[in-house]
Structures are given as structure tokens and as C-alpha cells.
Amino acid sequence: MKIIVTGSLGNISKPLTIALVQKGHTVTVISSKAEKQKDIEAIGAKAAIGSMQDADFLAETFKGADIVYAMETLGEGFFFNKNLDYMAAITNIGKNYKQAIHHSGVKKVIHLSSIGGHTDKGNGMLAFHHNVENILKELPDDVSIKTMRPVGFYYNMFAFIPTIKSQGIIVSNYGSDDKEPWVAPVDIASVIAEEMEKPFNGRTIRYIASDEVSPNEVATILGEAIGKPDVKWVVVSDEQALNGMIAAGMNPQIAKGLMEMNASRRGGVLYQDYERNKPTLGKTKLKDFAKDFAAAFNQ
């Protein structure tokens, strides 16, 4: 099949592209960076250099494709871009995808959404996923869409490194012994590659997770991996969390969205739809990721 992969060679798109090429598919990877072309071609894919913000470029690139894998990203460092309205920017990418899919005639789409994509209320910055899901739902009924909703990514835990190094603690505005799901990008890529080769029929949703562990278990597992078994997960107020992120230079809109997202994890509010539609867990467990965490911590 001819497959379009968005997201350049990111944490999901790279292993996805490798898997699809190995299966014999013709893969075109969209990247905004011309310097990525040689890396894309090195793994056996074609490169299309352009922007998610350019609907005409997307439509031309999508033309003739059997499947489009669509994900939204604003690139590295956007959390600290104080001039960015991230909700508007990502909503615009969603509109560009809708226009490009419609104009190109593509009939099969896999959309990377997220946990929290089921609602626009009480989930903080994850509301943008709900917005884009609804934009894509406006496509004609003959366009089949598989919506992927992965849970929190393991690599988000790299943000814990500074406070572990300085204070021996992980700090957030939620935390408990209640288990919550986490996922490895390689497991997301595996599920998407699997879904590419299954029949497409209408509009479907699939959650993706690798492991279920509590915040306190996270602290224990990561602490043991880095040789600091006394690492503790410390809960602070929403206000303290928000002020800390803003003090660190984060875009205030994004900081507020992250604070609200983490608040929605308290009591399992964020996970209600996930609990109703639980997936089979993937192969990569937190103890596997802990080795990568330790390597990053010790750099």
C-alpha cells in the first residue's frame, strides 16, 4: 500500500515508518525540516518536505495514498513559546488535515488522538484532541477513520529529572497509590502498523497502553533504576504547580492546560472512558523504560 506518515521521524513516526517499510509498503514521510530527508530515505521511505500548516501541500502529498496517518505537533520547544496560542494552532492543523483529506480523495485515515479525546471539559490541554477528532468527523461518511487514543507517554517522565536531582523528589499536583496507564511510543507504532493492515469500516476508536502503575510505584521504580531508592512522589497544590511551571518560563496558557490535565488524573476522571474501553497492554513495561530513564539521568 501507499501510506503517508506525518510527524517526521518522531518518537512514534520513526518506528512506525520502519515497520511499514519492512512490511513492503511504500511510505512517504512528511517533515518540515529539509535536513531530515536523508534520514527518511536511509530507512527506505520517501520524504515530503513541507508544513502541516499548508493545506495545499498536504492535499498534493496525500493524493493517491491508500492510508494517511495524521498526527498534530507544534515541534520542539513549543511549551516555552510565550507568543503561541497552542489551541488555535493545533485546531488549524486539524482543519488543514480535513481539507487535504477531502481534496485528495483519501478514504482511509488513522488519526493519533489521545487519552482525554472523548471530551472537551475538565481535561486541560488535552481538549485540543477532542476538537480535532470532531473536525475530522465532519469528513464525508465514505472516509473511514481509526482514532488512536494512547495514554501518557513514558518519555514525559524525563521532566522529573531536575527535581529528582535537586531535591530527590518527583513533584506534581496529583499522585496516589491508584494505578494509571502509561505507554511506550514503540508500542503505539506497533498498534498503528497493525491497524493499517486491518479492514477499515466507518469510525472506530482504540486506546493504547503499555503498563498500569501508580505515581508512588513510578517513584519507586525510577528511583531504584537510578540508584536512589528513597525518591518520593510529592503532591503540591494546583496553584503551586502552575506557578512553578510559569516560573520555569513556560507559556502561561500551556502551563494552565498542563496543570488542569494533571488535576483531571485525580480520582480517575481522565480515565473514565479508557476504563470502559480497556486495551490489551503492550510489551514495554515501566521497568523497561526505567533503563532509558537512568541513562538520561546519568548523562
C-alpha atoms as a PDB file:
ATOM      1  CA  MET A   1       0.000   0.000   0.000  1.00  0.00           C
ATOM      2  CA  LYS A   2       0.949   3.635  -0.411  1.00  0.00           C
ATOM      3  CA  ILE A   3       0.970   5.191   3.064  1.00  0.00           C
ATOM      4  CA  ILE A   4       1.565   8.783   4.196  1.00  0.00           C
ATOM      5  CA  VAL A   5       3.129   9.243   7.645  1.00  0.00           C
ATOM      6  CA  THR A   6       3.077  12.655   9.330  1.00  0.00           C
ATOM      7  CA  GLY A   7       5.242  13.581  12.298  1.00  0.00           C
ATOM      8  CA  SER A   8       8.648  13.381  10.566  1.00  0.00           C
ATOM      9  CA  LEU A   9      10.932  10.870  12.345  1.00  0.00           C
ATOM     10  CA  GLY A  10       9.474  11.459  15.795  1.00  0.00           C
ATOM     11  CA  ASN A  11       9.096   9.031  18.677  1.00  0.00           C
ATOM     12  CA  ILE A  12       6.136   7.272  17.027  1.00  0.00           C
ATOM     13  CA  SER A  13       6.564   8.062  13.340  1.00  0.00           C
ATOM     14  CA  LYS A  14      10.110   6.667  13.049  1.00  0.00           C
ATOM     15  CA  PRO A  15       9.379   3.151  14.394  1.00  0.00           C
ATOM     16  CA  LEU A  16       6.075   3.188  12.504  1.00  0.00           C
ATOM     17  CA  THR A  17       7.834   4.041   9.231  1.00  0.00           C
ATOM     18  CA  ILE A  18      10.474   1.366   9.785  1.00  0.00           C
ATOM     19  CA  ALA A  19       7.778  -1.260  10.472  1.00  0.00           C
ATOM     20  CA  LEU A  20       5.751  -0.288   7.400  1.00  0.00           C
ATOM     21  CA  VAL A  21       8.794  -0.304   5.096  1.00  0.00           C
ATOM     22  CA  GLN A  22       9.782  -3.731   6.432  1.00  0.00           C
ATOM     23  CA  LYS A  23       6.265  -4.963   5.594  1.00  0.00           C
ATOM     24  CA  GLY A  24       6.780  -3.870   1.988  1.00  0.00           C
ATOM     25  CA  HIS A  25       4.620  -0.736   1.922  1.00  0.00           C
ATOM     26  CA  THR A  26       5.538   2.410   0.001  1.00  0.00           C
ATOM     27  CA  VAL A  27       5.863   5.081   2.670  1.00  0.00           C
ATOM     28  CA  THR A  28       6.124   8.866   2.336  1.00  0.00           C
ATOM     29  CA  VAL A  29       7.094  10.747   5.480  1.00  0.00           C
ATOM     30  CA  ILE A  30       6.128  14.403   5.864  1.00  0.00           C
ATOM     31  CA  SER A  31       8.685  16.589   7.619  1.00  0.00           C
ATOM     32  CA  SER A  32       9.050  20.342   7.958  1.00  0.00           C
ATOM     33  CA  LYS A  33      12.855  20.041   8.036  1.00  0.00           C
ATOM     34  CA  ALA A  34      14.753  19.557   4.779  1.00  0.00           C
ATOM     35  CA  GLU A  35      17.729  18.140   6.690  1.00  0.00           C
ATOM     36  CA  LYS A  36      15.567  15.142   7.668  1.00  0.00           C
ATOM     37  CA  GLN A  37      15.277  13.997   4.036  1.00  0.00           C
ATOM     38  CA  LYS A  38      18.463  11.904   4.056  1.00  0.00           C
ATOM     39  CA  ASP A  39      17.450  10.211   7.333  1.00  0.00           C
ATOM     40  CA  ILE A  40      13.983   9.416   5.951  1.00  0.00           C
ATOM     41  CA  GLU A  41      15.447   7.986   2.753  1.00  0.00           C
ATOM     42  CA  ALA A  42      18.007   5.976   4.758  1.00  0.00           C
ATOM     43  CA  ILE A  43      15.218   3.872   6.262  1.00  0.00           C
ATOM     44  CA  GLY A  44      13.646   3.224   2.870  1.00  0.00           C
ATOM     45  CA  ALA A  45      10.895   5.850   2.793  1.00  0.00           C
ATOM     46  CA  LYS A  46      10.313   8.896   0.606  1.00  0.00           C
ATOM     47  CA  ALA A  47      10.437  12.415   2.061  1.00  0.00           C
ATOM     48  CA  ALA A  48       7.887  15.178   1.502  1.00  0.00           C
ATOM     49  CA  ILE A  49       9.221  18.428   2.918  1.00  0.00           C
ATOM     50  CA  GLY A  50       6.530  20.909   3.950  1.00  0.00           C
ATOM     51  CA  SER A  51       4.302  22.125   6.728  1.00  0.00           C
ATOM     52  CA  MET A  52       1.164  20.843   8.455  1.00  0.00           C
ATOM     53  CA  GLN A  53       0.045  24.459   8.285  1.00  0.00           C
ATOM     54  CA  ASP A  54      -0.068  24.268   4.454  1.00  0.00           C
ATOM     55  CA  ALA A  55      -3.310  22.557   3.391  1.00  0.00           C
ATOM     56  CA  ASP A  56      -2.429  22.661  -0.328  1.00  0.00           C
ATOM     57  CA  PHE A  57       0.916  20.921   0.290  1.00  0.00           C
ATOM     58  CA  LEU A  58      -0.847  18.267   2.379  1.00  0.00           C
ATOM     59  CA  ALA A  59      -3.515  17.681  -0.286  1.00  0.00           C
ATOM     60  CA  GLU A  60      -0.900  17.257  -3.003  1.00  0.00           C
ATOM     61  CA  THR A  61       1.153  14.883  -0.831  1.00  0.00           C
ATOM     62  CA  PHE A  62      -1.909  12.827   0.171  1.00  0.00           C
ATOM     63  CA  LYS A  63      -3.039  12.365  -3.452  1.00  0.00           C
ATOM     64  CA  GLY A  64      -3.078   8.708  -4.478  1.00  0.00           C
ATOM     65  CA  ALA A  65      -2.429   7.403  -0.956  1.00  0.00           C
ATOM     66  CA  ASP A  66      -4.224   4.338   0.366  1.00  0.00           C
ATOM     67  CA  ILE A  67      -3.899   5.447   4.004  1.00  0.00           C
ATOM     68  CA  VAL A  68      -2.910   8.658   5.770  1.00  0.00           C
ATOM     69  CA  TYR A  69      -1.547   8.586   9.331  1.00  0.00           C
ATOM     70  CA  ALA A  70      -2.317  12.032  10.756  1.00  0.00           C
ATOM     71  CA  MET A  71      -0.947  13.469  13.969  1.00  0.00           C
ATOM     72  CA  GLU A  72      -0.669  17.021  15.248  1.00  0.00           C
ATOM     73  CA  THR A  73       2.537  18.527  16.566  1.00  0.00           C
ATOM     74  CA  LEU A  74       3.920  22.015  17.038  1.00  0.00           C
ATOM     75  CA  GLY A  75       7.563  20.936  17.114  1.00  0.00           C
ATOM     76  CA  GLU A  76      10.202  21.031  19.791  1.00  0.00           C
ATOM     77  CA  GLY A  77      10.168  23.695  22.474  1.00  0.00           C
ATOM     78  CA  PHE A  78       6.624  24.944  21.892  1.00  0.00           C
ATOM     79  CA  PHE A  79       5.849  24.754  25.631  1.00  0.00           C
ATOM     80  CA  PHE A  80       8.137  27.753  26.103  1.00  0.00           C
ATOM     81  CA  ASN A  81       6.907  29.846  23.165  1.00  0.00           C
ATOM     82  CA  LYS A  82       5.051  32.590  25.018  1.00  0.00           C
ATOM     83  CA  ASN A  83       3.516  34.007  21.833  1.00  0.00           C
ATOM     84  CA  LEU A  84       1.830  30.737  20.862  1.00  0.00           C
ATOM     85  CA  ASP A  85      -1.910  30.072  21.108  1.00  0.00           C
ATOM     86  CA  TYR A  86      -1.494  26.288  21.016  1.00  0.00           C
ATOM     87  CA  MET A  87      -5.221  25.533  20.960  1.00  0.00           C
ATOM     88  CA  ALA A  88      -5.755  27.696  17.863  1.00  0.00           C
ATOM     89  CA  ALA A  89      -2.594  26.400  16.167  1.00  0.00           C
ATOM     90  CA  ILE A  90      -3.497  22.726  16.586  1.00  0.00           C
ATOM     91  CA  THR A  91      -7.135  23.324  15.664  1.00  0.00           C
ATOM     92  CA  ASN A  92      -5.843  24.876  12.437  1.00  0.00           C
ATOM     93  CA  ILE A  93      -3.753  21.758  11.705  1.00  0.00           C
ATOM     94  CA  GLY A  94      -6.894  19.676  12.172  1.00  0.00           C
ATOM     95  CA  LYS A  95      -8.751  21.851   9.669  1.00  0.00           C
ATOM     96  CA  ASN A  96      -5.874  21.535   7.204  1.00  0.00           C
ATOM     97  CA  TYR A  97      -5.988  17.743   7.511  1.00  0.00           C
ATOM     98  CA  LYS A  98      -9.727  17.722   6.885  1.00  0.00           C
ATOM     99  CA  GLN A  99      -9.367  19.915   3.799  1.00  0.00           C
ATOM    100  CA  ALA A 100      -6.411  17.911   2.443  1.00  0.00           C
ATOM    101  CA  ILE A 101      -8.059  14.526   3.010  1.00  0.00           C
ATOM    102  CA  HIS A 102     -11.234  15.725   1.312  1.00  0.00           C
ATOM    103  CA  HIS A 103      -9.476  17.291  -1.686  1.00  0.00           C
ATOM    104  CA  SER A 104      -7.048  14.399  -2.190  1.00  0.00           C
ATOM    105  CA  GLY A 105      -9.739  11.729  -2.201  1.00  0.00           C
ATOM    106  CA  VAL A 106      -8.135   9.636   0.572  1.00  0.00           C
ATOM    107  CA  LYS A 107     -10.666   7.225   2.083  1.00  0.00           C
ATOM    108  CA  LYS A 108      -8.683   5.660   4.957  1.00  0.00           C
ATOM    109  CA  VAL A 109      -7.264   7.696   7.833  1.00  0.00           C
ATOM    110  CA  ILE A 110      -5.569   6.753  11.087  1.00  0.00           C
ATOM    111  CA  HIS A 111      -5.636   9.710  13.458  1.00  0.00           C
ATOM    112  CA  LEU A 112      -3.393   9.948  16.503  1.00  0.00           C
ATOM    113  CA  SER A 113      -5.516  11.491  19.240  1.00  0.00           C
ATOM    114  CA  SER A 114      -5.033  10.936  22.988  1.00  0.00           C
ATOM    115  CA  ILE A 115      -6.493   9.858  26.270  1.00  0.00           C
ATOM    116  CA  GLY A 116      -8.926  12.668  27.105  1.00  0.00           C
ATOM    117  CA  GLY A 117     -10.027  12.956  23.481  1.00  0.00           C
ATOM    118  CA  HIS A 118     -13.529  11.866  24.475  1.00  0.00           C
ATOM    119  CA  THR A 119     -14.358  15.274  25.993  1.00  0.00           C
ATOM    120  CA  ASP A 120     -13.544  18.981  25.877  1.00  0.00           C
ATOM    121  CA  LYS A 121     -14.288  19.551  29.567  1.00  0.00           C
ATOM    122  CA  GLY A 122     -12.122  19.061  32.626  1.00  0.00           C
ATOM    123  CA  ASN A 123      -9.120  17.636  30.758  1.00  0.00           C
ATOM    124  CA  GLY A 124      -6.942  20.750  30.348  1.00  0.00           C
ATOM    125  CA  MET A 125      -4.790  20.963  27.254  1.00  0.00           C
ATOM    126  CA  LEU A 126      -5.998  17.537  26.047  1.00  0.00           C
ATOM    127  CA  ALA A 127      -9.178  19.267  24.891  1.00  0.00           C
ATOM    128  CA  PHE A 128      -7.444  20.044  21.589  1.00  0.00           C
ATOM    129  CA  HIS A 129      -7.537  16.332  20.747  1.00  0.00           C
ATOM    130  CA  HIS A 130     -11.315  16.351  21.188  1.00  0.00           C
ATOM    131  CA  ASN A 131     -11.514  19.392  18.913  1.00  0.00           C
ATOM    132  CA  VAL A 132      -9.514  17.725  16.121  1.00  0.00           C
ATOM    133  CA  GLU A 133     -11.441  14.457  16.453  1.00  0.00           C
ATOM    134  CA  ASN A 134     -14.650  16.438  15.855  1.00  0.00           C
ATOM    135  CA  ILE A 135     -13.161  18.328  12.904  1.00  0.00           C
ATOM    136  CA  LEU A 136     -12.257  15.032  11.199  1.00  0.00           C
ATOM    137  CA  LYS A 137     -15.737  13.655  11.931  1.00  0.00           C
ATOM    138  CA  GLU A 138     -17.042  16.332   9.538  1.00  0.00           C
ATOM    139  CA  LEU A 139     -15.473  14.447   6.606  1.00  0.00           C
ATOM    140  CA  PRO A 140     -17.916  12.549   4.343  1.00  0.00           C
ATOM    141  CA  ASP A 141     -19.147   9.199   5.636  1.00  0.00           C
ATOM    142  CA  ASP A 142     -17.175   7.283   2.994  1.00  0.00           C
ATOM    143  CA  VAL A 143     -13.926   8.330   4.708  1.00  0.00           C
ATOM    144  CA  SER A 144     -13.103   5.660   7.311  1.00  0.00           C
ATOM    145  CA  ILE A 145     -11.251   6.961  10.383  1.00  0.00           C
ATOM    146  CA  LYS A 146      -9.477   4.915  13.031  1.00  0.00           C
ATOM    147  CA  THR A 147      -8.890   7.135  16.059  1.00  0.00           C
ATOM    148  CA  MET A 148      -5.966   6.078  18.252  1.00  0.00           C
ATOM    149  CA  ARG A 149      -6.030   7.257  21.871  1.00  0.00           C
ATOM    150  CA  PRO A 150      -2.717   6.495  23.594  1.00  0.00           C
ATOM    151  CA  VAL A 151      -2.339   7.289  27.284  1.00  0.00           C
ATOM    152  CA  GLY A 152       0.503   9.272  28.905  1.00  0.00           C
ATOM    153  CA  PHE A 153       3.890   8.683  27.259  1.00  0.00           C
ATOM    154  CA  TYR A 154       6.738   7.258  29.326  1.00  0.00           C
ATOM    155  CA  TYR A 155       9.122   9.852  27.938  1.00  0.00           C
ATOM    156  CA  ASN A 156       7.129  12.609  29.661  1.00  0.00           C
ATOM    157  CA  MET A 157       8.787  11.275  32.833  1.00  0.00           C
ATOM    158  CA  PHE A 158      12.093  12.795  31.697  1.00  0.00           C
ATOM    159  CA  ALA A 159      10.623  16.042  33.057  1.00  0.00           C
ATOM    160  CA  PHE A 160      11.025  14.544  36.544  1.00  0.00           C
ATOM    161  CA  ILE A 161      14.832  14.567  36.311  1.00  0.00           C
ATOM    162  CA  PRO A 162      15.525  18.163  37.513  1.00  0.00           C
ATOM    163  CA  THR A 163      13.648  17.871  40.830  1.00  0.00           C
ATOM    164  CA  ILE A 164      14.962  14.354  41.464  1.00  0.00           C
ATOM    165  CA  LYS A 165      18.491  15.697  41.011  1.00  0.00           C
ATOM    166  CA  SER A 166      17.948  18.822  43.124  1.00  0.00           C
ATOM    167  CA  GLN A 167      15.571  17.548  45.822  1.00  0.00           C
ATOM    168  CA  GLY A 168      15.250  13.772  45.494  1.00  0.00           C
ATOM    169  CA  ILE A 169      11.536  14.051  44.702  1.00  0.00           C
ATOM    170  CA  ILE A 170       9.001  13.998  41.867  1.00  0.00           C
ATOM    171  CA  VAL A 171       6.594  16.931  42.127  1.00  0.00           C
ATOM    172  CA  SER A 172       3.099  17.161  40.666  1.00  0.00           C
ATOM    173  CA  ASN A 173      -0.421  18.312  41.531  1.00  0.00           C
ATOM    174  CA  TYR A 174      -1.679  14.721  41.575  1.00  0.00           C
ATOM    175  CA  GLY A 175      -0.424  11.457  42.995  1.00  0.00           C
ATOM    176  CA  SER A 176      -1.559   8.394  44.945  1.00  0.00           C
ATOM    177  CA  ASP A 177      -1.459   4.611  45.070  1.00  0.00           C
ATOM    178  CA  ASP A 178      -4.135   4.437  42.352  1.00  0.00           C
ATOM    179  CA  LYS A 179      -2.803   2.811  39.194  1.00  0.00           C
ATOM    180  CA  GLU A 180      -2.874   4.776  35.942  1.00  0.00           C
ATOM    181  CA  PRO A 181      -1.866   3.788  32.407  1.00  0.00           C
ATOM    182  CA  TRP A 182       1.343   4.732  30.599  1.00  0.00           C
ATOM    183  CA  VAL A 183       2.567   3.880  27.106  1.00  0.00           C
ATOM    184  CA  ALA A 184       5.775   3.491  25.095  1.00  0.00           C
ATOM    185  CA  PRO A 185       5.842   5.173  21.659  1.00  0.00           C
ATOM    186  CA  VAL A 186       7.162   1.940  20.120  1.00  0.00           C
ATOM    187  CA  ASP A 187       4.018   0.151  21.352  1.00  0.00           C
ATOM    188  CA  ILE A 188       1.864   2.890  19.796  1.00  0.00           C
ATOM    189  CA  ALA A 189       3.710   2.440  16.495  1.00  0.00           C
ATOM    190  CA  SER A 190       3.144  -1.310  16.681  1.00  0.00           C
ATOM    191  CA  VAL A 191      -0.612  -0.906  17.164  1.00  0.00           C
ATOM    192  CA  ILE A 192      -0.879   1.627  14.323  1.00  0.00           C
ATOM    193  CA  ALA A 193       1.086  -0.633  11.969  1.00  0.00           C
ATOM    194  CA  GLU A 194      -1.278  -3.475  12.904  1.00  0.00           C
ATOM    195  CA  GLU A 195      -4.352  -1.298  12.270  1.00  0.00           C
ATOM    196  CA  MET A 196      -3.001  -0.267   8.844  1.00  0.00           C
ATOM    197  CA  GLU A 197      -3.410  -3.849   7.628  1.00  0.00           C
ATOM    198  CA  LYS A 198      -6.815  -4.499   9.188  1.00  0.00           C
ATOM    199  CA  PRO A 199     -10.062  -3.629   7.384  1.00  0.00           C
ATOM    200  CA  PHE A 200     -11.307  -0.043   7.630  1.00  0.00           C
ATOM    201  CA  ASN A 201     -15.006   0.344   8.280  1.00  0.00           C
ATOM    202  CA  GLY A 202     -16.642   3.557   9.443  1.00  0.00           C
ATOM    203  CA  ARG A 203     -15.318   5.335  12.514  1.00  0.00           C
ATOM    204  CA  THR A 204     -13.576   3.394  15.305  1.00  0.00           C
ATOM    205  CA  ILE A 205     -11.622   4.254  18.478  1.00  0.00           C
ATOM    206  CA  ARG A 206      -8.816   2.273  20.091  1.00  0.00           C
ATOM    207  CA  TYR A 207      -6.969   3.070  23.310  1.00  0.00           C
ATOM    208  CA  ILE A 208      -3.272   2.165  23.569  1.00  0.00           C
ATOM    209  CA  ALA A 209      -1.354   1.477  26.809  1.00  0.00           C
ATOM    210  CA  SER A 210       1.734  -0.474  27.853  1.00  0.00           C
ATOM    211  CA  ASP A 211       1.554  -0.658  31.656  1.00  0.00           C
ATOM    212  CA  GLU A 212      -0.537   0.446  34.626  1.00  0.00           C
ATOM    213  CA  VAL A 213       1.335   1.762  37.659  1.00  0.00           C
ATOM    214  CA  SER A 214       0.599   4.245  40.433  1.00  0.00           C
ATOM    215  CA  PRO A 215       2.526   7.500  40.894  1.00  0.00           C
ATOM    216  CA  ASN A 216       4.112   6.076  44.047  1.00  0.00           C
ATOM    217  CA  GLU A 217       5.192   2.977  42.121  1.00  0.00           C
ATOM    218  CA  VAL A 218       6.659   5.234  39.432  1.00  0.00           C
ATOM    219  CA  ALA A 219       8.817   6.942  42.067  1.00  0.00           C
ATOM    220  CA  THR A 220       9.984   3.590  43.447  1.00  0.00           C
ATOM    221  CA  ILE A 221      10.786   2.041  40.049  1.00  0.00           C
ATOM    222  CA  LEU A 222      12.594   5.102  38.689  1.00  0.00           C
ATOM    223  CA  GLY A 223      14.397   5.640  41.988  1.00  0.00           C
ATOM    224  CA  GLU A 224      15.705   2.074  42.024  1.00  0.00           C
ATOM    225  CA  ALA A 225      16.814   2.370  38.389  1.00  0.00           C
ATOM    226  CA  ILE A 226      18.971   5.419  39.143  1.00  0.00           C
ATOM    227  CA  GLY A 227      20.324   4.090  42.441  1.00  0.00           C
ATOM    228  CA  LYS A 228      18.224   6.441  44.567  1.00  0.00           C
ATOM    229  CA  PRO A 229      15.643   4.167  46.240  1.00  0.00           C
ATOM    230  CA  ASP A 230      14.412   6.982  48.513  1.00  0.00           C
ATOM    231  CA  VAL A 231      12.853   9.020  45.658  1.00  0.00           C
ATOM    232  CA  LYS A 232       9.332  10.073  46.666  1.00  0.00           C
ATOM    233  CA  TRP A 233       6.341  11.415  44.725  1.00  0.00           C
ATOM    234  CA  VAL A 234       5.259  14.690  46.359  1.00  0.00           C
ATOM    235  CA  VAL A 235       1.845  16.262  45.702  1.00  0.00           C
ATOM    236  CA  VAL A 236       1.539  20.057  45.609  1.00  0.00           C
ATOM    237  CA  SER A 237      -1.492  22.284  45.054  1.00  0.00           C
ATOM    238  CA  ASP A 238      -2.741  23.264  41.607  1.00  0.00           C
ATOM    239  CA  GLU A 239      -1.610  26.825  42.270  1.00  0.00           C
ATOM    240  CA  GLN A 240       1.892  25.728  43.273  1.00  0.00           C
ATOM    241  CA  ALA A 241       2.206  23.529  40.197  1.00  0.00           C
ATOM    242  CA  LEU A 242       1.005  26.298  37.890  1.00  0.00           C
ATOM    243  CA  ASN A 243       3.276  28.931  39.425  1.00  0.00           C
ATOM    244  CA  GLY A 244       6.253  26.562  39.215  1.00  0.00           C
ATOM    245  CA  MET A 245       5.755  25.945  35.501  1.00  0.00           C
ATOM    246  CA  ILE A 246       5.319  29.644  34.751  1.00  0.00           C
ATOM    247  CA  ALA A 247       8.417  30.472  36.826  1.00  0.00           C
ATOM    248  CA  ALA A 248      10.342  27.958  34.712  1.00  0.00           C
ATOM    249  CA  GLY A 249       9.473  30.038  31.615  1.00  0.00           C
ATOM    250  CA  MET A 250       6.552  28.056  30.246  1.00  0.00           C
ATOM    251  CA  ASN A 251       3.839  29.635  28.115  1.00  0.00           C
ATOM    252  CA  PRO A 252       1.139  30.503  30.716  1.00  0.00           C
ATOM    253  CA  GLN A 253      -1.694  29.083  28.556  1.00  0.00           C
ATOM    254  CA  ILE A 254       0.165  25.786  28.225  1.00  0.00           C
ATOM    255  CA  ALA A 255       1.114  25.743  31.916  1.00  0.00           C
ATOM    256  CA  LYS A 256      -2.554  26.168  32.846  1.00  0.00           C
ATOM    257  CA  GLY A 257      -3.522  23.404  30.409  1.00  0.00           C
ATOM    258  CA  LEU A 258      -0.940  21.019  31.891  1.00  0.00           C
ATOM    259  CA  MET A 259      -1.997  21.827  35.439  1.00  0.00           C
ATOM    260  CA  GLU A 260      -5.652  21.152  34.569  1.00  0.00           C
ATOM    261  CA  MET A 261      -4.705  17.953  32.721  1.00  0.00           C
ATOM    262  CA  ASN A 262      -2.859  16.616  35.756  1.00  0.00           C
ATOM    263  CA  ALA A 263      -5.710  17.668  38.049  1.00  0.00           C
ATOM    264  CA  SER A 264      -8.050  15.541  35.899  1.00  0.00           C
ATOM    265  CA  ARG A 265      -5.944  12.487  36.776  1.00  0.00           C
ATOM    266  CA  ARG A 266      -7.008  12.798  40.411  1.00  0.00           C
ATOM    267  CA  GLY A 267      -9.753  10.335  41.200  1.00  0.00           C
ATOM    268  CA  GLY A 268      -9.503   8.819  37.713  1.00  0.00           C
ATOM    269  CA  VAL A 269     -11.658  11.453  35.957  1.00  0.00           C
ATOM    270  CA  LEU A 270      -9.350  11.451  32.928  1.00  0.00           C
ATOM    271  CA  TYR A 271      -9.545   7.677  32.619  1.00  0.00           C
ATOM    272  CA  GLN A 272     -13.282   7.061  32.758  1.00  0.00           C
ATOM    273  CA  ASP A 273     -13.686   6.331  29.025  1.00  0.00           C
ATOM    274  CA  TYR A 274     -10.422   4.368  28.989  1.00  0.00           C
ATOM    275  CA  GLU A 275     -11.750   2.153  31.791  1.00  0.00           C
ATOM    276  CA  ARG A 276     -14.853   1.420  29.697  1.00  0.00           C
ATOM    277  CA  ASN A 277     -12.726   0.525  26.652  1.00  0.00           C
ATOM    278  CA  LYS A 278      -9.578  -1.014  28.139  1.00  0.00           C
ATOM    279  CA  PRO A 279      -6.989  -2.251  25.629  1.00  0.00           C
ATOM    280  CA  THR A 280      -4.654  -5.217  25.865  1.00  0.00           C
ATOM    281  CA  LEU A 281      -1.426  -3.818  27.320  1.00  0.00           C
ATOM    282  CA  GLY A 282       1.651  -3.572  25.111  1.00  0.00           C
ATOM    283  CA  LYS A 283       5.037  -5.210  25.619  1.00  0.00           C
ATOM    284  CA  THR A 284       7.085  -2.309  27.003  1.00  0.00           C
ATOM    285  CA  LYS A 285       6.717  -2.046  30.773  1.00  0.00           C
ATOM    286  CA  LEU A 286       7.777   0.807  33.054  1.00  0.00           C
ATOM    287  CA  LYS A 287      10.742  -1.256  34.266  1.00  0.00           C
ATOM    288  CA  ASP A 288      11.927  -1.425  30.640  1.00  0.00           C
ATOM    289  CA  PHE A 289      11.639   2.344  30.229  1.00  0.00           C
ATOM    290  CA  ALA A 290      13.391   2.851  33.583  1.00  0.00           C
ATOM    291  CA  LYS A 291      16.660   1.776  31.906  1.00  0.00           C
ATOM    292  CA  ASP A 292      16.320   4.641  29.402  1.00  0.00           C
ATOM    293  CA  PHE A 293      15.387   6.984  32.239  1.00  0.00           C
ATOM    294  CA  ALA A 294      18.515   6.002  34.158  1.00  0.00           C
ATOM    295  CA  ALA A 295      20.686   6.566  31.081  1.00  0.00           C
ATOM    296  CA  ALA A 296      19.210  10.067  30.623  1.00  0.00           C
ATOM    297  CA  PHE A 297      19.519  10.816  34.356  1.00  0.00           C
ATOM    298  CA  ASN A 298      23.201   9.873  34.393  1.00  0.00           C
ATOM    299  CA  GLN A 299      24.173  11.832  31.268  1.00  0.00           C
END
